[in-house]
């Protein structure tokens, strides 16, 4: 599993052959999509706490 946080100036990008699939999610959307108690949820919440 890979978790990335990305800050971009534009959502206009093209995938290369190094990436099979990518999606943009707002923080609210990510919280809805990620299973509570999962490693991904833990990663997101830790990251958000560091940002505030």
C-alpha atoms as a PDB file:
ATOM      1  CA  UNK A   1       0.000   0.000   0.000  1.00  0.00           C
ATOM      2  CA  UNK A   2       1.240   3.490  -0.810  1.00  0.00           C
ATOM      3  CA  UNK A   3      -0.029   6.723   0.693  1.00  0.00           C
ATOM      4  CA  UNK A   4       0.946  10.061  -0.771  1.00  0.00           C
ATOM      5  CA  UNK A   5       0.110  13.632   0.057  1.00  0.00           C
ATOM      6  CA  UNK A   6       0.452  15.948  -2.897  1.00  0.00           C
ATOM      7  CA  UNK A   7       0.125  19.708  -3.133  1.00  0.00           C
ATOM      8  CA  UNK A   8      -0.336  20.929  -6.690  1.00  0.00           C
ATOM      9  CA  UNK A   9      -0.952  24.142  -8.587  1.00  0.00           C
ATOM     10  CA  UNK A  10      -3.193  22.388 -11.118  1.00  0.00           C
ATOM     11  CA  UNK A  11      -5.147  19.136 -11.360  1.00  0.00           C
ATOM     12  CA  UNK A  12      -4.316  18.969 -15.062  1.00  0.00           C
ATOM     13  CA  UNK A  13      -1.811  16.131 -15.369  1.00  0.00           C
ATOM     14  CA  UNK A  14      -1.044  13.109 -17.515  1.00  0.00           C
ATOM     15  CA  UNK A  15      -0.175   9.707 -16.125  1.00  0.00           C
ATOM     16  CA  UNK A  16       2.961   8.004 -17.344  1.00  0.00           C
ATOM     17  CA  UNK A  17       3.520   4.271 -17.672  1.00  0.00           C
ATOM     18  CA  UNK A  18       4.930   4.337 -14.118  1.00  0.00           C
ATOM     19  CA  UNK A  19       1.469   4.958 -12.622  1.00  0.00           C
ATOM     20  CA  UNK A  20      -1.501   2.696 -13.359  1.00  0.00           C
ATOM     21  CA  UNK A  21      -4.172   4.887 -11.824  1.00  0.00           C
ATOM     22  CA  UNK A  22      -4.531   8.102  -9.822  1.00  0.00           C
ATOM     23  CA  UNK A  23      -7.445  10.030  -8.309  1.00  0.00           C
ATOM     24  CA  UNK A  24      -7.887  13.434  -6.710  1.00  0.00           C
ATOM     25  CA  UNK A  25      -9.810  13.544  -3.412  1.00  0.00           C
ATOM     26  CA  UNK A  26     -10.662  16.434  -1.168  1.00  0.00           C
ATOM     27  CA  UNK A  27      -9.970  15.854   2.519  1.00  0.00           C
ATOM     28  CA  UNK A  28     -13.693  15.390   3.122  1.00  0.00           C
ATOM     29  CA  UNK A  29     -13.970  12.855   0.278  1.00  0.00           C
ATOM     30  CA  UNK A  30     -10.924  10.955   1.520  1.00  0.00           C
ATOM     31  CA  UNK A  31     -12.384  10.714   5.012  1.00  0.00           C
ATOM     32  CA  UNK A  32     -15.605   9.265   3.558  1.00  0.00           C
ATOM     33  CA  UNK A  33     -13.797   6.753   1.314  1.00  0.00           C
ATOM     34  CA  UNK A  34     -11.176   5.481   3.758  1.00  0.00           C
ATOM     35  CA  UNK A  35     -12.232   2.768   6.180  1.00  0.00           C
ATOM     36  CA  UNK A  36     -12.178   3.945   9.791  1.00  0.00           C
ATOM     37  CA  UNK A  37      -9.383   2.272  11.772  1.00  0.00           C
ATOM     38  CA  UNK A  38      -7.391   1.317   8.686  1.00  0.00           C
ATOM     39  CA  UNK A  39      -3.734   2.158   8.133  1.00  0.00           C
ATOM     40  CA  UNK A  40      -4.747   4.629   5.438  1.00  0.00           C
ATOM     41  CA  UNK A  41      -7.111   6.349   7.889  1.00  0.00           C
ATOM     42  CA  UNK A  42      -4.356   6.538  10.492  1.00  0.00           C
ATOM     43  CA  UNK A  43      -1.947   8.020   7.913  1.00  0.00           C
ATOM     44  CA  UNK A  44      -4.454  10.676   6.830  1.00  0.00           C
ATOM     45  CA  UNK A  45      -5.365  11.723  10.366  1.00  0.00           C
ATOM     46  CA  UNK A  46      -1.712  11.914  11.474  1.00  0.00           C
ATOM     47  CA  UNK A  47      -0.885  14.042   8.452  1.00  0.00           C
ATOM     48  CA  UNK A  48      -3.816  16.399   9.077  1.00  0.00           C
ATOM     49  CA  UNK A  49      -2.879  16.841  12.747  1.00  0.00           C
ATOM     50  CA  UNK A  50       0.648  17.890  11.716  1.00  0.00           C
ATOM     51  CA  UNK A  51      -0.757  20.502   9.338  1.00  0.00           C
ATOM     52  CA  UNK A  52      -2.729  22.398  11.989  1.00  0.00           C
END
